[in-house]
Amino acid sequence: MDLQGVTNKRNSVQHATEENKQLNSSGLLTKFESGTTLIGLLLRQKVITTLSLLNKSFQVCQQTVSGLMKADNVTTVAIEGL
């Protein structure tokens, strides 16, 4: 599941942590209830999505060095623009 999927399914995550005492005792439920975790994820979503795309471009089997450098440059510009 990607970051957007987690934020969209916040209620499901809360319900699962309420039922699972181990997750609940680790404080995960408390973090989701406070909203701080959700806000943090939403603020970081664009950066994480951009870096995820860069990661995918690095994993392509037939990639040239110049192509990788261009992908890096595009990612750098995109992150600087956030």
PDB file of N, CA and C in Angstrom:
ATOM      1  N   MET A   1       0.838  -1.166   0.000  1.00  0.00           N
ATOM      2  CA  MET A   1       0.000   0.000   0.000  1.00  0.00           C
ATOM      3  C   MET A   1       0.895   1.246   0.000  1.00  0.00           C
ATOM      4  N   ASP A   2       0.535   2.212  -0.788  1.00  0.00           N
ATOM      5  CA  ASP A   2       1.313   3.442  -0.854  1.00  0.00           C
ATOM      6  C   ASP A   2       0.859   4.418   0.232  1.00  0.00           C
ATOM      7  N   LEU A   3       1.513   5.541   0.287  1.00  0.00           N
ATOM      8  CA  LEU A   3       1.241   6.542   1.307  1.00  0.00           C
ATOM      9  C   LEU A   3      -0.183   7.063   1.223  1.00  0.00           C
ATOM     10  N   GLN A   4      -0.658   7.314   0.025  1.00  0.00           N
ATOM     11  CA  GLN A   4      -2.031   7.805  -0.139  1.00  0.00           C
ATOM     12  C   GLN A   4      -3.024   6.763   0.353  1.00  0.00           C
ATOM     13  N   GLY A   5      -2.724   5.498   0.093  1.00  0.00           N
ATOM     14  CA  GLY A   5      -3.598   4.425   0.560  1.00  0.00           C
ATOM     15  C   GLY A   5      -3.693   4.391   2.078  1.00  0.00           C
ATOM     16  N   VAL A   6      -2.568   4.641   2.750  1.00  0.00           N
ATOM     17  CA  VAL A   6      -2.579   4.665   4.216  1.00  0.00           C
ATOM     18  C   VAL A   6      -3.434   5.817   4.719  1.00  0.00           C
ATOM     19  N   THR A   7      -3.268   6.990   4.127  1.00  0.00           N
ATOM     20  CA  THR A   7      -4.036   8.141   4.589  1.00  0.00           C
ATOM     21  C   THR A   7      -5.523   7.970   4.280  1.00  0.00           C
ATOM     22  N   ASN A   8      -5.839   7.329   3.162  1.00  0.00           N
ATOM     23  CA  ASN A   8      -7.241   7.088   2.824  1.00  0.00           C
ATOM     24  C   ASN A   8      -7.885   6.052   3.734  1.00  0.00           C
ATOM     25  N   LYS A   9      -7.084   5.152   4.261  1.00  0.00           N
ATOM     26  CA  LYS A   9      -7.612   4.075   5.077  1.00  0.00           C
ATOM     27  C   LYS A   9      -7.310   4.273   6.556  1.00  0.00           C
ATOM     28  N   ARG A  10      -7.264   5.500   6.981  1.00  0.00           N
ATOM     29  CA  ARG A  10      -6.931   5.808   8.371  1.00  0.00           C
ATOM     30  C   ARG A  10      -7.869   5.101   9.340  1.00  0.00           C
ATOM     31  N   ASN A  11      -9.160   5.094   9.044  1.00  0.00           N
ATOM     32  CA  ASN A  11     -10.112   4.444   9.946  1.00  0.00           C
ATOM     33  C   ASN A  11      -9.861   2.951  10.037  1.00  0.00           C
ATOM     34  N   SER A  12      -9.520   2.323   8.929  1.00  0.00           N
ATOM     35  CA  SER A  12      -9.229   0.888   8.949  1.00  0.00           C
ATOM     36  C   SER A  12      -7.994   0.599   9.793  1.00  0.00           C
ATOM     37  N   VAL A  13      -6.988   1.455   9.672  1.00  0.00           N
ATOM     38  CA  VAL A  13      -5.769   1.285  10.455  1.00  0.00           C
ATOM     39  C   VAL A  13      -6.083   1.449  11.933  1.00  0.00           C
ATOM     40  N   GLN A  14      -6.899   2.436  12.262  1.00  0.00           N
ATOM     41  CA  GLN A  14      -7.261   2.644  13.663  1.00  0.00           C
ATOM     42  C   GLN A  14      -8.015   1.433  14.210  1.00  0.00           C
ATOM     43  N   HIS A  15      -8.953   0.923  13.445  1.00  0.00           N
ATOM     44  CA  HIS A  15      -9.730  -0.236  13.878  1.00  0.00           C
ATOM     45  C   HIS A  15      -8.817  -1.449  14.090  1.00  0.00           C
ATOM     46  N   ALA A  16      -7.900  -1.670  13.177  1.00  0.00           N
ATOM     47  CA  ALA A  16      -6.985  -2.811  13.292  1.00  0.00           C
ATOM     48  C   ALA A  16      -6.100  -2.692  14.526  1.00  0.00           C
ATOM     49  N   THR A  17      -5.634  -1.496  14.822  1.00  0.00           N
ATOM     50  CA  THR A  17      -4.782  -1.321  15.990  1.00  0.00           C
ATOM     51  C   THR A  17      -5.572  -1.451  17.285  1.00  0.00           C
ATOM     52  N   GLU A  18      -6.840  -1.059  17.253  1.00  0.00           N
ATOM     53  CA  GLU A  18      -7.675  -1.228  18.434  1.00  0.00           C
ATOM     54  C   GLU A  18      -7.867  -2.711  18.755  1.00  0.00           C
ATOM     55  N   GLU A  19      -7.985  -3.524  17.712  1.00  0.00           N
ATOM     56  CA  GLU A  19      -8.201  -4.956  17.904  1.00  0.00           C
ATOM     57  C   GLU A  19      -6.914  -5.702  18.236  1.00  0.00           C
ATOM     58  N   ASN A  20      -5.786  -5.199  17.795  1.00  0.00           N
ATOM     59  CA  ASN A  20      -4.514  -5.882  18.013  1.00  0.00           C
ATOM     60  C   ASN A  20      -3.799  -5.246  19.203  1.00  0.00           C
ATOM     61  N   LYS A  21      -3.810  -5.932  20.315  1.00  0.00           N
ATOM     62  CA  LYS A  21      -3.245  -5.379  21.545  1.00  0.00           C
ATOM     63  C   LYS A  21      -1.751  -5.093  21.424  1.00  0.00           C
ATOM     64  N   GLN A  22      -1.039  -5.886  20.637  1.00  0.00           N
ATOM     65  CA  GLN A  22       0.409  -5.667  20.487  1.00  0.00           C
ATOM     66  C   GLN A  22       0.671  -4.330  19.794  1.00  0.00           C
ATOM     67  N   LEU A  23      -0.062  -4.055  18.705  1.00  0.00           N
ATOM     68  CA  LEU A  23       0.110  -2.769  18.032  1.00  0.00           C
ATOM     69  C   LEU A  23      -0.353  -1.625  18.929  1.00  0.00           C
ATOM     70  N   ASN A  24      -1.433  -1.862  19.640  1.00  0.00           N
ATOM     71  CA  ASN A  24      -1.969  -0.840  20.526  1.00  0.00           C
ATOM     72  C   ASN A  24      -0.977  -0.508  21.637  1.00  0.00           C
ATOM     73  N   SER A  25      -0.336  -1.530  22.191  1.00  0.00           N
ATOM     74  CA  SER A  25       0.614  -1.284  23.275  1.00  0.00           C
ATOM     75  C   SER A  25       1.874  -0.573  22.788  1.00  0.00           C
ATOM     76  N   SER A  26       2.155  -0.660  21.489  1.00  0.00           N
ATOM     77  CA  SER A  26       3.341   0.019  20.957  1.00  0.00           C
ATOM     78  C   SER A  26       3.107   1.514  20.759  1.00  0.00           C
ATOM     79  N   GLY A  27       1.878   1.958  20.918  1.00  0.00           N
ATOM     80  CA  GLY A  27       1.569   3.375  20.795  1.00  0.00           C
ATOM     81  C   GLY A  27       1.122   3.799  19.415  1.00  0.00           C
ATOM     82  N   LEU A  28       0.996   2.844  18.480  1.00  0.00           N
ATOM     83  CA  LEU A  28       0.587   3.193  17.120  1.00  0.00           C
ATOM     84  C   LEU A  28      -0.809   3.810  17.107  1.00  0.00           C
ATOM     85  N   LEU A  29      -1.727   3.221  17.858  1.00  0.00           N
ATOM     86  CA  LEU A  29      -3.092   3.746  17.898  1.00  0.00           C
ATOM     87  C   LEU A  29      -3.107   5.179  18.411  1.00  0.00           C
ATOM     88  N   THR A  30      -2.355   5.432  19.456  1.00  0.00           N
ATOM     89  CA  THR A  30      -2.302   6.782  20.033  1.00  0.00           C
ATOM     90  C   THR A  30      -1.790   7.794  19.015  1.00  0.00           C
ATOM     91  N   LYS A  31      -0.783   7.398  18.227  1.00  0.00           N
ATOM     92  CA  LYS A  31      -0.233   8.300  17.221  1.00  0.00           C
ATOM     93  C   LYS A  31      -1.259   8.610  16.136  1.00  0.00           C
ATOM     94  N   PHE A  32      -2.027   7.593  15.710  1.00  0.00           N
ATOM     95  CA  PHE A  32      -3.042   7.838  14.689  1.00  0.00           C
ATOM     96  C   PHE A  32      -4.201   8.658  15.246  1.00  0.00           C
ATOM     97  N   GLU A  33      -4.549   8.441  16.487  1.00  0.00           N
ATOM     98  CA  GLU A  33      -5.653   9.195  17.084  1.00  0.00           C
ATOM     99  C   GLU A  33      -5.307  10.665  17.246  1.00  0.00           C
ATOM    100  N   SER A  34      -4.056  10.960  17.504  1.00  0.00           N
ATOM    101  CA  SER A  34      -3.672  12.352  17.707  1.00  0.00           C
ATOM    102  C   SER A  34      -3.692  13.151  16.400  1.00  0.00           C
ATOM    103  N   GLY A  35      -3.580  12.476  15.297  1.00  0.00           N
ATOM    104  CA  GLY A  35      -3.586  13.151  14.008  1.00  0.00           C
ATOM    105  C   GLY A  35      -2.213  13.601  13.555  1.00  0.00           C
ATOM    106  N   THR A  36      -1.240  13.587  14.449  1.00  0.00           N
ATOM    107  CA  THR A  36       0.111  14.026  14.122  1.00  0.00           C
ATOM    108  C   THR A  36       0.725  13.161  13.029  1.00  0.00           C
ATOM    109  N   THR A  37       0.534  11.848  13.144  1.00  0.00           N
ATOM    110  CA  THR A  37       1.081  10.930  12.141  1.00  0.00           C
ATOM    111  C   THR A  37       0.472  11.197  10.780  1.00  0.00           C
ATOM    112  N   LEU A  38      -0.841  11.370  10.733  1.00  0.00           N
ATOM    113  CA  LEU A  38      -1.521  11.631   9.464  1.00  0.00           C
ATOM    114  C   LEU A  38      -1.053  12.935   8.839  1.00  0.00           C
ATOM    115  N   ILE A  39      -0.938  13.966   9.626  1.00  0.00           N
ATOM    116  CA  ILE A  39      -0.474  15.264   9.107  1.00  0.00           C
ATOM    117  C   ILE A  39       0.950  15.137   8.587  1.00  0.00           C
ATOM    118  N   GLY A  40       1.795  14.437   9.334  1.00  0.00           N
ATOM    119  CA  GLY A  40       3.181  14.231   8.903  1.00  0.00           C
ATOM    120  C   GLY A  40       3.252  13.492   7.587  1.00  0.00           C
ATOM    121  N   LEU A  41       2.429  12.452   7.448  1.00  0.00           N
ATOM    122  CA  LEU A  41       2.412  11.695   6.197  1.00  0.00           C
ATOM    123  C   LEU A  41       1.935  12.556   5.036  1.00  0.00           C
ATOM    124  N   LEU A  42       0.910  13.347   5.274  1.00  0.00           N
ATOM    125  CA  LEU A  42       0.386  14.211   4.207  1.00  0.00           C
ATOM    126  C   LEU A  42       1.417  15.258   3.783  1.00  0.00           C
ATOM    127  N   LEU A  43       2.155  15.821   4.751  1.00  0.00           N
ATOM    128  CA  LEU A  43       3.164  16.827   4.429  1.00  0.00           C
ATOM    129  C   LEU A  43       4.327  16.237   3.644  1.00  0.00           C
ATOM    130  N   ARG A  44       4.620  14.979   3.882  1.00  0.00           N
ATOM    131  CA  ARG A  44       5.767  14.335   3.231  1.00  0.00           C
ATOM    132  C   ARG A  44       5.379  13.585   1.955  1.00  0.00           C
ATOM    133  N   GLN A  45       4.109  13.538   1.652  1.00  0.00           N
ATOM    134  CA  GLN A  45       3.630  12.724   0.540  1.00  0.00           C
ATOM    135  C   GLN A  45       4.277  13.083  -0.800  1.00  0.00           C
ATOM    136  N   LYS A  46       4.393  14.344  -1.125  1.00  0.00           N
ATOM    137  CA  LYS A  46       4.967  14.734  -2.417  1.00  0.00           C
ATOM    138  C   LYS A  46       6.436  14.332  -2.524  1.00  0.00           C
ATOM    139  N   VAL A  47       7.175  14.513  -1.437  1.00  0.00           N
ATOM    140  CA  VAL A  47       8.594  14.143  -1.445  1.00  0.00           C
ATOM    141  C   VAL A  47       8.738  12.627  -1.585  1.00  0.00           C
ATOM    142  N   ILE A  48       7.965  11.882  -0.811  1.00  0.00           N
ATOM    143  CA  ILE A  48       8.050  10.422  -0.864  1.00  0.00           C
ATOM    144  C   ILE A  48       7.640   9.901  -2.240  1.00  0.00           C
ATOM    145  N   THR A  49       6.595  10.471  -2.819  1.00  0.00           N
ATOM    146  CA  THR A  49       6.150  10.052  -4.153  1.00  0.00           C
ATOM    147  C   THR A  49       7.226  10.341  -5.192  1.00  0.00           C
ATOM    148  N   THR A  50       7.847  11.508  -5.125  1.00  0.00           N
ATOM    149  CA  THR A  50       8.905  11.873  -6.068  1.00  0.00           C
ATOM    150  C   THR A  50      10.102  10.939  -5.945  1.00  0.00           C
ATOM    151  N   LEU A  51      10.513  10.657  -4.709  1.00  0.00           N
ATOM    152  CA  LEU A  51      11.648   9.751  -4.504  1.00  0.00           C
ATOM    153  C   LEU A  51      11.303   8.325  -4.911  1.00  0.00           C
ATOM    154  N   SER A  52      10.056   7.934  -4.755  1.00  0.00           N
ATOM    155  CA  SER A  52       9.619   6.605  -5.180  1.00  0.00           C
ATOM    156  C   SER A  52       9.738   6.462  -6.699  1.00  0.00           C
ATOM    157  N   LEU A  53       9.386   7.512  -7.421  1.00  0.00           N
ATOM    158  CA  LEU A  53       9.518   7.483  -8.884  1.00  0.00           C
ATOM    159  C   LEU A  53      10.987   7.389  -9.290  1.00  0.00           C
ATOM    160  N   LEU A  54      11.850   8.106  -8.582  1.00  0.00           N
ATOM    161  CA  LEU A  54      13.291   8.019  -8.863  1.00  0.00           C
ATOM    162  C   LEU A  54      13.788   6.596  -8.609  1.00  0.00           C
ATOM    163  N   ASN A  55      13.351   6.006  -7.525  1.00  0.00           N
ATOM    164  CA  ASN A  55      13.737   4.636  -7.203  1.00  0.00           C
ATOM    165  C   ASN A  55      13.321   3.671  -8.316  1.00  0.00           C
ATOM    166  N   LYS A  56      12.101   3.846  -8.820  1.00  0.00           N
ATOM    167  CA  LYS A  56      11.632   2.981  -9.915  1.00  0.00           C
ATOM    168  C   LYS A  56      12.471   3.166 -11.170  1.00  0.00           C
ATOM    169  N   SER A  57      12.874   4.397 -11.444  1.00  0.00           N
ATOM    170  CA  SER A  57      13.684   4.633 -12.646  1.00  0.00           C
ATOM    171  C   SER A  57      15.064   4.000 -12.506  1.00  0.00           C
ATOM    172  N   PHE A  58      15.587   3.941 -11.299  1.00  0.00           N
ATOM    173  CA  PHE A  58      16.886   3.294 -11.071  1.00  0.00           C
ATOM    174  C   PHE A  58      16.802   1.776 -11.209  1.00  0.00           C
ATOM    175  N   GLN A  59      15.634   1.210 -11.040  1.00  0.00           N
ATOM    176  CA  GLN A  59      15.475  -0.239 -11.076  1.00  0.00           C
ATOM    177  C   GLN A  59      15.171  -0.787 -12.470  1.00  0.00           C
ATOM    178  N   VAL A  60      15.025   0.080 -13.453  1.00  0.00           N
ATOM    179  CA  VAL A  60      14.761  -0.362 -14.818  1.00  0.00           C
ATOM    180  C   VAL A  60      15.984  -1.111 -15.347  1.00  0.00           C
ATOM    181  N   CYS A  61      15.739  -2.255 -15.964  1.00  0.00           N
ATOM    182  CA  CYS A  61      16.846  -3.112 -16.425  1.00  0.00           C
ATOM    183  C   CYS A  61      17.705  -2.450 -17.503  1.00  0.00           C
ATOM    184  N   GLN A  62      17.078  -1.772 -18.429  1.00  0.00           N
ATOM    185  CA  GLN A  62      17.825  -1.188 -19.543  1.00  0.00           C
ATOM    186  C   GLN A  62      17.855   0.334 -19.393  1.00  0.00           C
ATOM    187  N   GLN A  63      18.727   0.807 -18.534  1.00  0.00           N
ATOM    188  CA  GLN A  63      18.849   2.236 -18.278  1.00  0.00           C
ATOM    189  C   GLN A  63      20.286   2.659 -18.546  1.00  0.00           C
ATOM    190  N   THR A  64      20.438   3.824 -19.162  1.00  0.00           N
ATOM    191  CA  THR A  64      21.781   4.342 -19.426  1.00  0.00           C
ATOM    192  C   THR A  64      22.217   5.244 -18.273  1.00  0.00           C
ATOM    193  N   VAL A  65      23.505   5.474 -18.165  1.00  0.00           N
ATOM    194  CA  VAL A  65      24.021   6.360 -17.129  1.00  0.00           C
ATOM    195  C   VAL A  65      23.473   7.764 -17.328  1.00  0.00           C
ATOM    196  N   SER A  66      23.423   8.212 -18.566  1.00  0.00           N
ATOM    197  CA  SER A  66      22.903   9.558 -18.813  1.00  0.00           C
ATOM    198  C   SER A  66      21.418   9.639 -18.446  1.00  0.00           C
ATOM    199  N   GLY A  67      20.700   8.563 -18.683  1.00  0.00           N
ATOM    200  CA  GLY A  67      19.280   8.528 -18.300  1.00  0.00           C
ATOM    201  C   GLY A  67      19.100   8.585 -16.793  1.00  0.00           C
ATOM    202  N   LEU A  68      19.955   7.880 -16.064  1.00  0.00           N
ATOM    203  CA  LEU A  68      19.902   7.911 -14.603  1.00  0.00           C
ATOM    204  C   LEU A  68      20.244   9.297 -14.074  1.00  0.00           C
ATOM    205  N   MET A  69      21.238   9.938 -14.703  1.00  0.00           N
ATOM    206  CA  MET A  69      21.619  11.280 -14.273  1.00  0.00           C
ATOM    207  C   MET A  69      20.489  12.275 -14.544  1.00  0.00           C
ATOM    208  N   LYS A  70      19.805  12.113 -15.658  1.00  0.00           N
ATOM    209  CA  LYS A  70      18.683  12.991 -15.981  1.00  0.00           C
ATOM    210  C   LYS A  70      17.547  12.776 -14.979  1.00  0.00           C
ATOM    211  N   ALA A  71      17.265  11.518 -14.644  1.00  0.00           N
ATOM    212  CA  ALA A  71      16.224  11.221 -13.657  1.00  0.00           C
ATOM    213  C   ALA A  71      16.567  11.850 -12.317  1.00  0.00           C
ATOM    214  N   ASP A  72      17.830  11.784 -11.934  1.00  0.00           N
ATOM    215  CA  ASP A  72      18.285  12.399 -10.690  1.00  0.00           C
ATOM    216  C   ASP A  72      18.095  13.906 -10.719  1.00  0.00           C
ATOM    217  N   ASN A  73      18.455  14.525 -11.847  1.00  0.00           N
ATOM    218  CA  ASN A  73      18.315  15.965 -11.988  1.00  0.00           C
ATOM    219  C   ASN A  73      16.848  16.397 -11.937  1.00  0.00           C
ATOM    220  N   VAL A  74      15.997  15.669 -12.621  1.00  0.00           N
ATOM    221  CA  VAL A  74      14.555  15.987 -12.617  1.00  0.00           C
ATOM    222  C   VAL A  74      14.005  15.872 -11.195  1.00  0.00           C
ATOM    223  N   THR A  75      14.427  14.835 -10.492  1.00  0.00           N
ATOM    224  CA  THR A  75      13.962  14.641  -9.116  1.00  0.00           C
ATOM    225  C   THR A  75      14.446  15.763  -8.213  1.00  0.00           C
ATOM    226  N   THR A  76      15.689  16.152  -8.350  1.00  0.00           N
ATOM    227  CA  THR A  76      16.246  17.234  -7.548  1.00  0.00           C
ATOM    228  C   THR A  76      15.475  18.523  -7.777  1.00  0.00           C
ATOM    229  N   VAL A  77      15.199  18.840  -9.017  1.00  0.00           N
ATOM    230  CA  VAL A  77      14.441  20.061  -9.346  1.00  0.00           C
ATOM    231  C   VAL A  77      13.037  19.989  -8.772  1.00  0.00           C
ATOM    232  N   ALA A  78      12.415  18.798  -8.886  1.00  0.00           N
ATOM    233  CA  ALA A  78      11.051  18.634  -8.369  1.00  0.00           C
ATOM    234  C   ALA A  78      11.003  18.810  -6.862  1.00  0.00           C
ATOM    235  N   ILE A  79      11.965  18.254  -6.152  1.00  0.00           N
ATOM    236  CA  ILE A  79      11.979  18.371  -4.688  1.00  0.00           C
ATOM    237  C   ILE A  79      12.305  19.792  -4.263  1.00  0.00           C
ATOM    238  N   GLU A  80      13.207  20.442  -4.965  1.00  0.00           N
ATOM    239  CA  GLU A  80      13.533  21.833  -4.630  1.00  0.00           C
ATOM    240  C   GLU A  80      12.335  22.747  -4.847  1.00  0.00           C
ATOM    241  N   GLY A  81      11.455  22.364  -5.767  1.00  0.00           N
ATOM    242  CA  GLY A  81      10.269  23.174  -6.056  1.00  0.00           C
ATOM    243  C   GLY A  81       9.131  22.975  -5.078  1.00  0.00           C
ATOM    244  N   LEU A  82       9.289  22.045  -4.154  1.00  0.00           N
ATOM    245  CA  LEU A  82       8.205  21.802  -3.185  1.00  0.00           C
ATOM    246  C   LEU A  82       8.175  22.813  -2.073  1.00  0.00           C
TER     247      LEU A  82
END
